[in-house]
Amino acid sequence: MYEFLGVYISPSHLQKISHRIGQEWAEARDADVQAFQEKRLPQACTQPSQVATVMVDGGRVQTRAEDSGRGITDRSWQEVKVACCQTLSSRVHAVDPQPDPPSKFLDPVQAARLAAEVKSRGSAARTRTPPGTPQTKKSRRKKRKRRRQGPQKLVRTVIASMVDSETFGWHVCAEVQRRGLDKAQRKGYICDGQKYNWTLFEMHLLAWGFIGILDFLHLLAHLYAAAQAVEGKGSAQARKLYERWLRWAWGGQVKELLSGLRAGAAKLGPPPEGCSEDDPRKVVADTVGYVTNNRDRMDYPRYRRLGLPISSAPVESVIKQINRRMKGTEKFWVGGGAEALLQVRAAYLSEDDRVERNWARPRPHAPAVGTGRLRPVA
C-alpha cells in the first residue's frame, strides 16, 4: 500500500477492510436477487444482443474451523459455484461453418494434453502446444484469424458464491434478467455434464429459450479416455478409435457414437463392483452413461450454424483467475471471509460497470478506517 498511497496499512487491517466491503457487496447482490423474485429488478440493457451465453462450473477452496485457536483445525474443501454470463456477436449460417473438427482435437499429442487438462482441472498445463514446437509470429497471426471466425465476446460478467445450488440458481437468474440476456436473439447454456448444472438449467433458463449445450472439451476428454481403455494406452488402434468417435461427436452423430461406445463396453465387459475409477471397464461404462445422459445436448452442427459457442472455456478461465486469489496451500478460509472475497473478485473480473456501481451504493456503516489507523511511512 505504501508504494501507491505513501501510507502503511497492516495486512490484518487490509483483510478486515476487504472482508467488510465484500460483505456489503454480497448484501447488495442478495437485494438484487430478492428484487428479481419480486419482479421489480430493473434491466440495465435496453438493446437486446445477438447472442447471450451462460456458463456454470465449480471450483474449490480450503476452509478451517473458527474459534479453535492457532493452527488449522477441521480443514476441508468447500465448493465455489461460478457463472460466466456473456454477450457475443456472431452470424447465423445456412450450413455448418466448420464441418471438420479442429486439427488440434485430432493431433495425438494435443488431444492427450487437452484430455489431461480437463481431467486435472486445477493443474492444467499453461499451454496446449506440444513442448518444443516453435511458434512464430506468422503462426500466432493465423490463430488470431481463426478465432475471429467464430462468436466474438462483447461483455462478460461473473458471479461467484459458496451458497447451495438452489440459491445459486436464483443468483444466475437475477444476473440474466438484470443484463437482459433473456431478450437476446440466440441464447446458449454451455456446461459439462454435472447434474446440478442441468438442474439449474431446467428450473430457470429453459423457459427463457436458452439452448442446452454439452461442453465439447469435457466430451473430448471422456472419448479419449474411453478409446485408450478399449484399445490400450498409446496404441495406434486407440488413436484411430478416438478419431472415429470424435468425428461422430463433432458431427452430431450421437446414435453412431453411442453404438460404438457400447460395442467397446461389451468388448471389455461390465465393471466389477468396487473397482477403481481407472479400471478400463469403469472408464468406458462411465463414458457410455455420460453420452447417454447428455445426448440431447450434442447437436453441435446446429449450434455452430446458430453462431453459438460449444465450449465452456470462458468459465474455466474465470475459475482459474478466482483461484489465484482464493486458493493456495496456506489459504484456509473461515466464516464469511471466502464469500466476501468472492464478491470482490467476481466484481473486478466483470467487464461492465459493476465495480463502480457497487462503490456508488450508500454505505450503511461507519468508515472502515478510523482516526489514527493510517500513518505516513517515514
Protein backbone atom coordinates (compact mmCIF):
# COMPACT_ATOMS: atom_id res chain seq x y z
CA MET A 1 0.00 0.00 0.00
CA TYR A 2 2.92 2.34 0.68
CA GLU A 3 4.02 2.18 -2.97
CA PHE A 4 0.61 3.53 -4.09
CA LEU A 5 -0.52 5.86 -1.31
CA GLY A 6 2.51 6.59 0.81
CA VAL A 7 0.78 5.22 3.92
CA TYR A 8 1.11 1.96 5.81
CA ILE A 9 -1.85 -0.36 6.37
CA SER A 10 -1.23 -3.62 8.18
CA PRO A 11 -2.14 -6.84 6.31
CA SER A 12 -4.64 -7.79 9.01
CA HIS A 13 -6.42 -4.43 8.73
CA LEU A 14 -6.47 -4.66 4.94
CA GLN A 15 -8.02 -8.11 5.32
CA LYS A 16 -10.75 -6.68 7.56
CA ILE A 17 -11.49 -3.91 5.05
CA SER A 18 -11.72 -6.41 2.16
CA HIS A 19 -13.97 -8.67 4.24
CA ARG A 20 -16.28 -5.81 5.13
CA ILE A 21 -16.52 -4.45 1.57
CA GLY A 22 -17.20 -7.96 0.26
CA GLN A 23 -19.98 -8.42 2.81
CA GLU A 24 -21.58 -5.15 1.71
CA TRP A 25 -21.45 -6.24 -1.92
CA ALA A 26 -22.91 -9.64 -1.01
CA GLU A 27 -25.80 -7.85 0.71
CA ALA A 28 -26.34 -5.76 -2.42
CA ARG A 29 -26.34 -8.93 -4.53
CA ASP A 30 -28.93 -10.53 -2.24
CA ALA A 31 -31.08 -7.41 -2.52
CA ASP A 32 -30.98 -7.72 -6.33
CA VAL A 33 -31.97 -11.39 -6.09
CA GLN A 34 -34.91 -10.51 -3.84
CA ALA A 35 -35.95 -7.77 -6.25
CA PHE A 36 -35.86 -10.29 -9.09
CA GLN A 37 -38.02 -12.73 -7.17
CA GLU A 38 -40.48 -9.94 -6.50
CA LYS A 39 -40.43 -8.96 -10.21
CA ARG A 40 -39.07 -5.46 -9.60
CA LEU A 41 -35.42 -5.80 -10.70
CA PRO A 42 -34.70 -3.26 -13.46
CA GLN A 43 -32.85 -4.24 -16.62
CA ALA A 44 -29.58 -2.48 -17.31
CA CYS A 45 -29.64 -3.30 -21.04
CA THR A 46 -32.17 -1.68 -23.39
CA GLN A 47 -30.88 -3.12 -26.67
CA PRO A 48 -31.04 -6.95 -26.97
CA SER A 49 -27.78 -8.57 -28.03
CA GLN A 50 -27.35 -11.01 -30.88
CA VAL A 51 -26.08 -13.83 -28.69
CA ALA A 52 -26.09 -14.43 -24.95
CA THR A 53 -24.47 -17.33 -23.12
CA VAL A 54 -24.45 -18.58 -19.55
CA MET A 55 -21.74 -20.98 -18.42
CA VAL A 56 -21.65 -22.53 -14.95
CA ASP A 57 -18.94 -24.56 -13.25
CA GLY A 58 -17.41 -25.06 -9.84
CA GLY A 59 -14.10 -24.65 -8.06
CA ARG A 60 -12.96 -25.38 -4.52
CA VAL A 61 -11.40 -23.52 -1.60
CA GLN A 62 -9.98 -24.77 1.69
CA THR A 63 -11.75 -23.92 4.93
CA ARG A 64 -10.99 -24.46 8.61
CA ALA A 65 -12.86 -24.33 11.91
CA GLU A 66 -13.42 -20.98 13.60
CA ASP A 67 -12.56 -20.13 17.23
CA SER A 68 -10.17 -23.06 17.50
CA GLY A 69 -7.01 -21.20 18.41
CA ARG A 70 -3.82 -21.16 16.43
CA GLY A 71 -3.22 -23.67 13.70
CA ILE A 72 -5.50 -25.39 11.22
CA THR A 73 -8.37 -27.43 12.67
CA ASP A 74 -11.01 -29.40 10.78
CA ARG A 75 -9.67 -28.49 7.36
CA SER A 76 -11.94 -29.31 4.44
CA TRP A 77 -12.64 -28.43 0.82
CA GLN A 78 -15.77 -26.41 0.02
CA GLU A 79 -17.27 -25.90 -3.41
CA VAL A 80 -17.35 -22.49 -5.08
CA LYS A 81 -20.00 -22.05 -7.75
CA VAL A 82 -19.15 -19.71 -10.63
CA ALA A 83 -21.19 -18.41 -13.54
CA CYS A 84 -19.86 -16.56 -16.57
CA CYS A 85 -22.52 -14.55 -18.42
CA GLN A 86 -21.55 -13.15 -21.81
CA THR A 87 -22.93 -11.22 -24.73
CA LEU A 88 -21.43 -12.06 -28.11
CA SER A 89 -21.69 -11.20 -31.78
CA SER A 90 -21.91 -13.92 -34.42
CA ARG A 91 -23.53 -14.80 -37.74
CA VAL A 92 -26.19 -17.39 -38.50
CA HIS A 93 -25.11 -19.84 -41.22
CA ALA A 94 -27.22 -21.84 -43.64
CA VAL A 95 -24.78 -24.75 -43.39
CA ASP A 96 -22.29 -25.88 -40.77
CA PRO A 97 -19.40 -23.36 -40.97
CA GLN A 98 -16.89 -25.90 -39.61
CA PRO A 99 -17.89 -29.46 -40.54
CA ASP A 100 -14.45 -30.86 -39.69
CA PRO A 101 -13.09 -30.80 -36.13
CA PRO A 102 -10.07 -28.59 -35.38
CA SER A 103 -6.76 -30.24 -36.16
CA LYS A 104 -5.61 -29.99 -32.54
CA PHE A 105 -8.51 -32.24 -31.50
CA LEU A 106 -7.16 -34.93 -33.84
CA ASP A 107 -3.44 -34.50 -33.15
CA PRO A 108 -2.39 -37.31 -30.75
CA VAL A 109 -0.16 -35.12 -28.58
CA GLN A 110 -2.52 -32.18 -28.34
CA ALA A 111 -5.58 -34.38 -27.82
CA ALA A 112 -3.82 -36.15 -24.94
CA ARG A 113 -2.91 -32.80 -23.41
CA LEU A 114 -6.43 -31.44 -23.76
CA ALA A 115 -7.87 -34.54 -22.11
CA ALA A 116 -5.35 -34.28 -19.28
CA GLU A 117 -6.16 -30.59 -18.76
CA VAL A 118 -9.87 -31.29 -18.42
CA LYS A 119 -9.26 -34.19 -16.07
CA SER A 120 -6.76 -32.43 -13.84
CA ARG A 121 -8.64 -29.11 -13.72
CA GLY A 122 -6.52 -27.30 -11.16
CA SER A 123 -3.18 -28.47 -12.58
CA ALA A 124 -3.85 -27.77 -16.22
CA ALA A 125 -0.91 -27.09 -18.48
CA ARG A 126 -0.14 -23.48 -19.26
CA THR A 127 -0.04 -24.11 -22.96
CA ARG A 128 -1.74 -26.57 -25.24
CA THR A 129 1.11 -26.56 -27.74
CA PRO A 130 3.36 -29.67 -27.54
CA PRO A 131 6.73 -28.92 -25.90
CA GLY A 132 9.44 -27.96 -28.34
CA THR A 133 7.00 -26.80 -31.03
CA PRO A 134 8.18 -23.44 -32.39
CA GLN A 135 5.54 -20.73 -32.53
CA THR A 136 6.38 -17.96 -34.93
CA LYS A 137 4.66 -14.61 -35.32
CA LYS A 138 3.11 -15.92 -38.50
CA SER A 139 1.54 -18.91 -36.70
CA ARG A 140 0.17 -16.60 -33.97
CA ARG A 141 -1.40 -14.37 -36.62
CA LYS A 142 -3.09 -17.40 -38.17
CA LYS A 143 -4.50 -18.44 -34.79
CA ARG A 144 -5.96 -14.99 -34.18
CA LYS A 145 -7.55 -15.05 -37.61
CA ARG A 146 -9.18 -18.41 -36.92
CA ARG A 147 -10.62 -17.14 -33.63
CA ARG A 148 -12.27 -14.19 -35.36
CA GLN A 149 -14.34 -16.56 -37.49
CA GLY A 150 -16.40 -17.74 -34.51
CA PRO A 151 -18.54 -15.91 -31.95
CA GLN A 152 -16.82 -12.82 -30.55
CA LYS A 153 -17.20 -11.83 -26.91
CA LEU A 154 -18.60 -8.38 -26.16
CA VAL A 155 -19.17 -8.11 -22.39
CA ARG A 156 -18.52 -10.65 -19.64
CA THR A 157 -19.89 -10.57 -16.12
CA VAL A 158 -19.08 -13.01 -13.33
CA ILE A 159 -20.98 -14.21 -10.28
CA ALA A 160 -19.45 -16.50 -7.67
CA SER A 161 -20.66 -17.85 -4.35
CA MET A 162 -20.45 -20.69 -1.84
CA VAL A 163 -24.22 -20.93 -1.42
CA ASP A 164 -26.19 -24.10 -2.18
CA SER A 165 -27.21 -24.99 -5.73
CA GLU A 166 -30.81 -23.83 -5.42
CA THR A 167 -29.82 -20.39 -4.11
CA PHE A 168 -27.11 -20.02 -6.74
CA GLY A 169 -29.71 -20.67 -9.42
CA TRP A 170 -31.55 -17.54 -8.28
CA HIS A 171 -28.27 -15.60 -8.41
CA VAL A 172 -27.84 -16.63 -12.04
CA CYS A 173 -31.44 -15.74 -12.92
CA ALA A 174 -31.16 -12.29 -11.38
CA GLU A 175 -27.98 -11.62 -13.38
CA VAL A 176 -29.57 -12.83 -16.63
CA GLN A 177 -32.65 -10.67 -16.12
CA ARG A 178 -30.68 -7.61 -14.97
CA ARG A 179 -28.46 -7.70 -18.06
CA GLY A 180 -31.36 -8.51 -20.40
CA LEU A 181 -29.71 -11.71 -21.60
CA ASP A 182 -33.13 -13.36 -21.75
CA LYS A 183 -34.01 -10.94 -24.58
CA ALA A 184 -31.09 -11.97 -26.82
CA GLN A 185 -31.85 -13.29 -30.30
CA ARG A 186 -29.96 -16.55 -29.68
CA LYS A 187 -29.16 -17.97 -26.26
CA GLY A 188 -26.91 -20.82 -25.16
CA TYR A 189 -26.22 -22.51 -21.82
CA ILE A 190 -22.89 -24.35 -22.06
CA CYS A 191 -21.71 -26.64 -19.25
CA ASP A 192 -20.19 -30.01 -18.55
CA GLY A 193 -22.36 -32.98 -17.64
CA GLN A 194 -22.53 -32.32 -13.89
CA LYS A 195 -26.07 -32.96 -12.71
CA TYR A 196 -26.63 -29.76 -10.75
CA ASN A 197 -25.63 -27.66 -13.80
CA TRP A 198 -28.54 -29.08 -15.74
CA THR A 199 -30.96 -28.97 -12.83
CA LEU A 200 -30.31 -25.22 -12.71
CA PHE A 201 -30.87 -25.01 -16.46
CA GLU A 202 -34.17 -26.90 -16.41
CA MET A 203 -35.51 -24.98 -13.41
CA HIS A 204 -34.64 -21.48 -14.57
CA LEU A 205 -33.19 -20.96 -18.05
CA LEU A 206 -35.05 -23.43 -20.25
CA ALA A 207 -38.24 -21.36 -20.05
CA TRP A 208 -36.31 -18.32 -21.33
CA GLY A 209 -35.40 -20.17 -24.52
CA PHE A 210 -31.77 -20.96 -23.72
CA ILE A 211 -30.38 -23.93 -25.67
CA GLY A 212 -28.56 -26.50 -23.55
CA ILE A 213 -25.13 -27.42 -24.97
CA LEU A 214 -22.75 -30.01 -23.54
CA ASP A 215 -19.24 -28.59 -23.35
CA PHE A 216 -17.30 -30.26 -26.15
CA LEU A 217 -13.94 -30.35 -24.36
CA HIS A 218 -15.35 -32.41 -21.48
CA LEU A 219 -16.86 -34.78 -24.04
CA LEU A 220 -13.50 -34.99 -25.82
CA ALA A 221 -11.80 -35.98 -22.56
CA HIS A 222 -14.31 -38.76 -21.97
CA LEU A 223 -13.96 -40.10 -25.51
CA TYR A 224 -10.17 -40.01 -25.37
CA ALA A 225 -10.07 -41.90 -22.07
CA ALA A 226 -12.59 -44.48 -23.31
CA ALA A 227 -10.66 -45.14 -26.53
CA GLN A 228 -7.44 -45.64 -24.56
CA ALA A 229 -9.28 -48.01 -22.24
CA VAL A 230 -10.72 -50.11 -25.05
CA GLU A 231 -7.62 -50.45 -27.23
CA GLY A 232 -4.75 -49.85 -24.82
CA LYS A 233 -2.97 -46.65 -23.86
CA GLY A 234 -0.83 -45.14 -26.58
CA SER A 235 -1.71 -47.73 -29.23
CA ALA A 236 -2.38 -46.90 -32.87
CA GLN A 237 -5.75 -48.64 -32.57
CA ALA A 238 -6.72 -46.33 -29.69
CA ARG A 239 -5.84 -43.26 -31.76
CA LYS A 240 -7.96 -44.47 -34.68
CA LEU A 241 -10.88 -45.32 -32.42
CA TYR A 242 -10.70 -41.93 -30.68
CA GLU A 243 -10.64 -40.11 -34.02
CA ARG A 244 -13.68 -42.03 -35.25
CA TRP A 245 -15.63 -41.27 -32.09
CA LEU A 246 -14.55 -37.65 -32.07
CA ARG A 247 -15.70 -37.10 -35.67
CA TRP A 248 -19.06 -38.65 -34.85
CA ALA A 249 -19.42 -36.37 -31.83
CA TRP A 250 -18.35 -33.26 -33.78
CA GLY A 251 -20.86 -34.09 -36.49
CA GLY A 252 -23.70 -34.66 -34.03
CA GLN A 253 -23.94 -38.38 -34.92
CA VAL A 254 -24.96 -39.39 -31.43
CA LYS A 255 -26.55 -42.71 -32.39
CA GLU A 256 -23.38 -43.88 -34.11
CA LEU A 257 -21.28 -42.67 -31.20
CA LEU A 258 -23.38 -44.49 -28.61
CA SER A 259 -23.33 -47.65 -30.70
CA GLY A 260 -19.54 -47.52 -30.89
CA LEU A 261 -19.16 -46.86 -27.17
CA ARG A 262 -21.50 -49.71 -26.26
CA ALA A 263 -19.54 -52.03 -28.52
CA GLY A 264 -16.37 -51.03 -26.68
CA ALA A 265 -18.06 -51.62 -23.33
CA ALA A 266 -19.25 -55.06 -24.46
CA LYS A 267 -15.72 -55.93 -25.57
CA LEU A 268 -14.34 -55.26 -22.07
CA GLY A 269 -17.30 -56.47 -20.06
CA PRO A 270 -19.13 -54.74 -17.20
CA PRO A 271 -17.07 -53.13 -14.42
CA PRO A 272 -16.94 -55.24 -11.24
CA GLU A 273 -18.39 -53.80 -8.06
CA GLY A 274 -15.89 -51.74 -6.10
CA CYS A 275 -13.37 -51.40 -8.93
CA SER A 276 -11.15 -48.31 -9.14
CA GLU A 277 -12.06 -45.24 -11.19
CA ASP A 278 -9.13 -46.03 -13.52
CA ASP A 279 -10.33 -49.55 -14.34
CA PRO A 280 -10.80 -49.64 -18.15
CA ARG A 281 -14.24 -51.21 -17.77
CA LYS A 282 -15.29 -48.44 -15.42
CA VAL A 283 -13.89 -45.72 -17.71
CA VAL A 284 -15.85 -46.97 -20.73
CA ALA A 285 -19.05 -47.58 -18.75
CA ASP A 286 -18.89 -44.04 -17.36
CA THR A 287 -18.45 -42.62 -20.85
CA VAL A 288 -21.48 -44.55 -22.11
CA GLY A 289 -23.51 -43.09 -19.26
CA TYR A 290 -22.14 -39.60 -19.85
CA VAL A 291 -23.12 -39.58 -23.53
CA THR A 292 -26.49 -41.23 -22.84
CA ASN A 293 -27.42 -38.65 -20.22
CA ASN A 294 -26.38 -35.71 -22.43
CA ARG A 295 -27.39 -36.93 -25.87
CA ASP A 296 -30.00 -34.18 -26.31
CA ARG A 297 -27.29 -31.53 -25.81
CA MET A 298 -24.90 -32.72 -28.52
CA ASP A 299 -26.32 -31.33 -31.78
CA TYR A 300 -23.08 -29.46 -32.46
CA PRO A 301 -23.66 -28.74 -36.19
CA ARG A 302 -26.88 -26.92 -35.26
CA TYR A 303 -25.15 -24.88 -32.56
CA ARG A 304 -22.39 -23.84 -34.96
CA ARG A 305 -24.98 -22.82 -37.58
CA LEU A 306 -26.65 -20.63 -34.95
CA GLY A 307 -23.34 -19.00 -34.10
CA LEU A 308 -23.31 -20.37 -30.55
CA PRO A 309 -20.12 -21.46 -28.78
CA ILE A 310 -19.76 -25.14 -27.89
CA SER A 311 -17.05 -24.81 -25.24
CA SER A 312 -17.33 -23.57 -21.65
CA ALA A 313 -13.68 -22.48 -21.67
CA PRO A 314 -14.58 -18.90 -20.58
CA VAL A 315 -15.92 -20.05 -17.22
CA GLU A 316 -12.93 -22.36 -16.78
CA SER A 317 -10.68 -19.35 -17.34
CA VAL A 318 -12.65 -17.31 -14.80
CA ILE A 319 -12.30 -20.07 -12.20
CA LYS A 320 -8.52 -20.08 -12.68
CA GLN A 321 -8.43 -16.32 -12.13
CA ILE A 322 -10.54 -16.66 -8.99
CA ASN A 323 -8.25 -19.43 -7.76
CA ARG A 324 -5.24 -17.11 -7.96
CA ARG A 325 -6.80 -15.10 -5.14
CA MET A 326 -8.76 -17.74 -3.24
CA LYS A 327 -6.77 -20.94 -3.50
CA GLY A 328 -3.35 -21.85 -2.11
CA THR A 329 -1.57 -24.35 0.11
CA GLU A 330 -1.55 -21.86 3.02
CA LYS A 331 -5.01 -20.35 2.49
CA PHE A 332 -7.74 -21.62 4.82
CA TRP A 333 -10.94 -19.57 4.97
CA VAL A 334 -13.25 -19.12 7.95
CA GLY A 335 -16.74 -17.71 8.36
CA GLY A 336 -17.92 -15.43 5.61
CA GLY A 337 -14.43 -14.46 4.54
CA ALA A 338 -14.44 -16.59 1.42
CA GLU A 339 -17.92 -15.45 0.38
CA ALA A 340 -16.97 -11.80 0.87
CA LEU A 341 -13.75 -12.05 -1.14
CA LEU A 342 -15.56 -13.93 -3.90
CA GLN A 343 -17.83 -10.91 -4.39
CA VAL A 344 -14.87 -8.58 -4.72
CA ARG A 345 -13.03 -10.89 -7.10
CA ALA A 346 -16.11 -11.51 -9.26
CA ALA A 347 -16.85 -7.79 -9.49
CA TYR A 348 -13.35 -6.96 -10.72
CA LEU A 349 -13.46 -9.82 -13.24
CA SER A 350 -16.70 -8.44 -14.68
CA GLU A 351 -16.45 -6.13 -17.67
CA ASP A 352 -19.48 -3.93 -17.03
CA ASP A 353 -19.90 -1.06 -14.55
CA ARG A 354 -20.29 -3.43 -11.61
CA VAL A 355 -17.38 -2.15 -9.55
CA GLU A 356 -18.38 1.50 -9.97
CA ARG A 357 -22.00 0.64 -9.22
CA ASN A 358 -21.03 -1.20 -6.04
CA TRP A 359 -18.83 1.64 -4.83
CA ALA A 360 -21.62 4.14 -5.55
CA ARG A 361 -24.13 2.33 -3.33
CA PRO A 362 -24.87 4.02 0.01
CA ARG A 363 -22.66 2.52 2.70
CA PRO A 364 -24.62 1.96 5.91
CA HIS A 365 -21.56 1.50 8.14
CA ALA A 366 -19.05 3.87 9.65
CA PRO A 367 -15.75 4.49 7.83
CA ALA A 368 -13.65 1.34 7.60
CA VAL A 369 -10.52 3.16 8.80
CA GLY A 370 -10.68 5.20 11.98
CA THR A 371 -8.64 8.17 13.13
CA GLY A 372 -5.01 7.34 13.50
CA ARG A 373 -5.20 3.96 11.75
CA LEU A 374 -3.30 5.24 8.73
CA ARG A 375 0.10 6.69 9.35
CA PRO A 376 2.72 8.01 6.90
CA VAL A 377 5.75 5.83 6.50
CA ALA A 378 8.98 7.56 7.45
